[in-house]
N, C-alpha and C. Protein backbone atom coordinates (compact mmCIF):
# COMPACT_ATOMS: atom_id res chain seq x y z
N MET A 1 -7.55 1.49 15.04
CA MET A 1 -6.15 1.70 14.78
C MET A 1 -5.38 1.44 16.08
N PRO A 2 -4.63 0.35 16.12
CA PRO A 2 -3.88 0.04 17.34
C PRO A 2 -2.69 0.97 17.52
N ILE A 3 -2.40 1.28 18.76
CA ILE A 3 -1.23 2.09 19.11
C ILE A 3 -0.22 1.18 19.79
N THR A 4 1.00 1.18 19.29
CA THR A 4 2.07 0.37 19.86
C THR A 4 3.03 1.30 20.58
N THR A 5 3.52 0.86 21.73
CA THR A 5 4.50 1.64 22.48
C THR A 5 5.77 0.81 22.65
N LEU A 6 6.90 1.41 22.30
CA LEU A 6 8.20 0.77 22.45
C LEU A 6 9.16 1.73 23.11
N SER A 7 10.05 1.21 23.93
CA SER A 7 11.11 2.05 24.47
C SER A 7 12.15 2.25 23.37
N SER A 8 12.99 3.25 23.50
CA SER A 8 14.03 3.48 22.49
C SER A 8 14.97 2.27 22.42
N HIS A 9 15.19 1.61 23.54
CA HIS A 9 16.02 0.40 23.56
C HIS A 9 15.36 -0.72 22.75
N GLU A 10 14.04 -0.92 22.96
CA GLU A 10 13.31 -1.94 22.20
C GLU A 10 13.32 -1.62 20.71
N LEU A 11 13.18 -0.34 20.38
CA LEU A 11 13.19 0.07 18.98
C LEU A 11 14.51 -0.32 18.32
N SER A 12 15.62 -0.06 18.99
CA SER A 12 16.92 -0.38 18.39
C SER A 12 17.10 -1.89 18.20
N ARG A 13 16.47 -2.69 19.04
CA ARG A 13 16.58 -4.14 18.94
C ARG A 13 15.54 -4.75 18.00
N HIS A 14 14.40 -4.08 17.82
CA HIS A 14 13.29 -4.66 17.05
C HIS A 14 12.75 -3.65 16.03
N LEU A 15 13.62 -3.10 15.21
CA LEU A 15 13.19 -2.10 14.23
C LEU A 15 12.17 -2.67 13.24
N GLY A 16 12.38 -3.90 12.79
CA GLY A 16 11.43 -4.53 11.86
C GLY A 16 10.04 -4.63 12.45
N ARG A 17 9.96 -5.01 13.72
CA ARG A 17 8.66 -5.10 14.41
C ARG A 17 7.99 -3.73 14.45
N ALA A 18 8.77 -2.69 14.73
CA ALA A 18 8.21 -1.33 14.80
C ALA A 18 7.71 -0.89 13.43
N ARG A 19 8.46 -1.19 12.38
CA ARG A 19 8.04 -0.81 11.02
C ARG A 19 6.74 -1.53 10.64
N ARG A 20 6.62 -2.80 10.99
CA ARG A 20 5.38 -3.53 10.69
C ARG A 20 4.21 -2.96 11.48
N ALA A 21 4.44 -2.64 12.73
CA ALA A 21 3.37 -2.08 13.57
C ALA A 21 2.92 -0.72 13.05
N ALA A 22 3.85 0.06 12.49
CA ALA A 22 3.52 1.40 11.98
C ALA A 22 2.59 1.34 10.78
N LYS A 23 2.52 0.20 10.11
CA LYS A 23 1.58 0.06 8.99
C LYS A 23 0.13 0.06 9.48
N ASP A 24 -0.07 -0.37 10.74
CA ASP A 24 -1.42 -0.48 11.30
C ASP A 24 -1.81 0.68 12.19
N GLY A 25 -0.84 1.44 12.65
CA GLY A 25 -1.13 2.56 13.55
C GLY A 25 0.16 3.16 14.08
N PRO A 26 0.04 4.23 14.84
CA PRO A 26 1.24 4.91 15.33
C PRO A 26 2.02 4.05 16.33
N VAL A 27 3.33 4.23 16.31
CA VAL A 27 4.21 3.57 17.26
C VAL A 27 4.83 4.67 18.12
N ILE A 28 4.52 4.67 19.39
CA ILE A 28 5.06 5.68 20.31
C ILE A 28 6.37 5.15 20.86
N ILE A 29 7.41 5.96 20.72
CA ILE A 29 8.73 5.58 21.20
C ILE A 29 9.01 6.39 22.46
N THR A 30 9.36 5.69 23.52
CA THR A 30 9.56 6.37 24.80
C THR A 30 11.05 6.45 25.16
N ASN A 31 11.39 7.49 25.89
CA ASN A 31 12.70 7.64 26.51
C ASN A 31 12.45 7.76 28.00
N TRP A 32 13.03 6.86 28.77
CA TRP A 32 12.86 6.86 30.22
C TRP A 32 11.38 6.84 30.61
N GLY A 33 10.58 6.09 29.83
CA GLY A 33 9.18 5.90 30.16
C GLY A 33 8.25 7.02 29.72
N LYS A 34 8.78 8.05 29.08
CA LYS A 34 7.94 9.16 28.63
C LYS A 34 7.91 9.20 27.10
N PRO A 35 6.74 9.45 26.50
CA PRO A 35 6.65 9.53 25.03
C PRO A 35 7.61 10.58 24.49
N ALA A 36 8.39 10.20 23.47
CA ALA A 36 9.37 11.13 22.90
C ALA A 36 9.21 11.30 21.39
N HIS A 37 8.81 10.23 20.70
CA HIS A 37 8.70 10.27 19.24
C HIS A 37 7.53 9.40 18.80
N VAL A 38 7.11 9.60 17.55
CA VAL A 38 6.06 8.76 16.98
C VAL A 38 6.52 8.29 15.61
N LEU A 39 6.43 6.99 15.38
CA LEU A 39 6.73 6.40 14.09
C LEU A 39 5.40 6.08 13.42
N MET A 40 5.25 6.49 12.15
CA MET A 40 4.01 6.21 11.43
C MET A 40 4.34 5.96 9.97
N SER A 41 3.39 5.41 9.24
CA SER A 41 3.59 5.17 7.81
C SER A 41 3.65 6.51 7.09
N PHE A 42 4.32 6.50 5.93
CA PHE A 42 4.43 7.73 5.16
C PHE A 42 3.06 8.18 4.65
N ASP A 43 2.19 7.23 4.30
CA ASP A 43 0.84 7.60 3.86
C ASP A 43 0.08 8.34 4.96
N GLU A 44 0.22 7.87 6.20
CA GLU A 44 -0.45 8.55 7.32
C GLU A 44 0.15 9.94 7.53
N TYR A 45 1.46 10.05 7.40
CA TYR A 45 2.13 11.35 7.53
C TYR A 45 1.60 12.32 6.47
N LYS A 46 1.50 11.85 5.22
CA LYS A 46 0.98 12.71 4.15
C LYS A 46 -0.45 13.13 4.43
N ARG A 47 -1.25 12.19 4.95
CA ARG A 47 -2.65 12.52 5.25
C ARG A 47 -2.74 13.60 6.32
N LEU A 48 -1.90 13.50 7.32
CA LEU A 48 -1.94 14.47 8.42
C LEU A 48 -1.37 15.83 8.04
N THR A 49 -0.42 15.86 7.13
CA THR A 49 0.25 17.13 6.80
C THR A 49 -0.18 17.70 5.46
N GLY A 50 -1.06 17.00 4.75
CA GLY A 50 -1.47 17.45 3.43
C GLY A 50 -2.19 18.79 3.48
N LYS A 51 -1.92 19.61 2.47
CA LYS A 51 -2.55 20.92 2.37
C LYS A 51 -4.01 20.74 1.97
N LYS A 52 -4.89 21.41 2.64
CA LYS A 52 -6.30 21.38 2.29
C LYS A 52 -6.51 22.20 1.02
N LYS A 53 -7.34 21.70 0.15
CA LYS A 53 -7.61 22.38 -1.11
C LYS A 53 -8.70 23.44 -0.93
N THR A 54 -8.56 24.53 -1.68
CA THR A 54 -9.58 25.57 -1.68
C THR A 54 -10.72 25.14 -2.61
N LEU A 55 -11.85 25.80 -2.49
CA LEU A 55 -12.98 25.50 -3.36
C LEU A 55 -12.60 25.73 -4.82
N GLY A 56 -11.86 26.79 -5.09
CA GLY A 56 -11.42 27.08 -6.46
C GLY A 56 -10.54 25.97 -7.02
N GLU A 57 -9.63 25.44 -6.19
CA GLU A 57 -8.77 24.34 -6.65
C GLU A 57 -9.58 23.09 -6.94
N LEU A 58 -10.56 22.80 -6.09
CA LEU A 58 -11.39 21.62 -6.31
C LEU A 58 -12.22 21.75 -7.59
N LEU A 59 -12.74 22.95 -7.84
CA LEU A 59 -13.57 23.16 -9.03
C LEU A 59 -12.73 23.23 -10.31
N ALA A 60 -11.41 23.36 -10.18
CA ALA A 60 -10.53 23.40 -11.35
C ALA A 60 -10.17 22.00 -11.86
N TYR A 61 -10.53 20.96 -11.13
CA TYR A 61 -10.23 19.60 -11.56
C TYR A 61 -10.98 19.28 -12.85
N PRO A 62 -10.36 18.48 -13.73
CA PRO A 62 -11.05 18.07 -14.96
C PRO A 62 -12.35 17.34 -14.62
N GLY A 63 -13.38 17.61 -15.41
CA GLY A 63 -14.67 16.96 -15.19
C GLY A 63 -15.59 17.70 -14.25
N THR A 64 -15.16 18.84 -13.74
CA THR A 64 -16.01 19.60 -12.82
C THR A 64 -16.66 20.81 -13.50
N GLU A 65 -16.54 20.87 -14.82
CA GLU A 65 -17.07 22.03 -15.54
C GLU A 65 -18.58 22.18 -15.36
N ASP A 66 -19.29 21.06 -15.24
CA ASP A 66 -20.75 21.10 -15.16
C ASP A 66 -21.28 21.04 -13.73
N VAL A 67 -20.41 21.17 -12.75
CA VAL A 67 -20.85 21.14 -11.36
C VAL A 67 -21.62 22.41 -11.06
N GLU A 68 -22.84 22.24 -10.53
CA GLU A 68 -23.63 23.39 -10.15
C GLU A 68 -23.45 23.62 -8.65
N LEU A 69 -23.09 24.81 -8.31
CA LEU A 69 -22.86 25.16 -6.92
C LEU A 69 -24.00 26.04 -6.45
N PRO A 70 -24.90 25.52 -5.63
CA PRO A 70 -26.03 26.33 -5.19
C PRO A 70 -25.57 27.44 -4.25
N LEU A 71 -25.81 28.66 -4.64
CA LEU A 71 -25.47 29.82 -3.81
C LEU A 71 -26.75 30.51 -3.38
N PRO A 72 -26.78 31.04 -2.18
CA PRO A 72 -28.00 31.72 -1.72
C PRO A 72 -28.24 33.01 -2.51
N ASP A 73 -29.51 33.33 -2.67
CA ASP A 73 -29.89 34.58 -3.32
C ASP A 73 -29.45 35.73 -2.41
N CYS A 74 -28.92 36.80 -2.99
CA CYS A 74 -28.45 37.94 -2.19
C CYS A 74 -29.55 38.52 -1.31
N SER A 75 -30.80 38.42 -1.76
CA SER A 75 -31.89 38.99 -0.96
C SER A 75 -32.08 38.22 0.34
N GLU A 76 -31.59 36.99 0.39
CA GLU A 76 -31.68 36.22 1.63
C GLU A 76 -30.71 36.75 2.68
N LEU A 77 -29.66 37.39 2.25
CA LEU A 77 -28.62 37.84 3.16
C LEU A 77 -28.84 39.26 3.68
N ALA A 78 -29.43 40.11 2.84
CA ALA A 78 -29.61 41.51 3.24
C ALA A 78 -31.06 41.93 2.99
N LYS A 79 -31.57 42.75 3.88
CA LYS A 79 -32.93 43.25 3.73
C LYS A 79 -32.86 44.76 3.50
N PRO A 80 -33.72 45.27 2.61
CA PRO A 80 -33.72 46.72 2.38
C PRO A 80 -34.17 47.47 3.64
N ILE A 81 -33.60 48.66 3.82
CA ILE A 81 -34.01 49.48 4.97
C ILE A 81 -34.68 50.74 4.46
N ASP A 82 -35.54 51.31 5.28
CA ASP A 82 -36.24 52.56 4.94
C ASP A 82 -35.36 53.72 5.37
N MET A 83 -34.91 54.52 4.41
CA MET A 83 -34.02 55.66 4.68
C MET A 83 -34.78 56.98 4.67
N SER A 84 -36.14 56.96 4.68
CA SER A 84 -36.89 58.22 4.60
C SER A 84 -36.98 58.93 5.92
């Protein structure tokens, strides 16, 4: 994934170039030589900010009714103790 860097002045003059570059990777926009903003595709933004699904949500999807989820036997987790 290539990273493109443009100054804010270059961005204002070459917005189309920046938009095309953002399809392939992030575009770092600088102010006075320092990174200030990042331009990216909306798909990449959604990927980065998307909410992670819980196990329950994933198992609620259609077609997952027959999914077997191997769970450890409770005896593997706890051992009986002698209370005498």
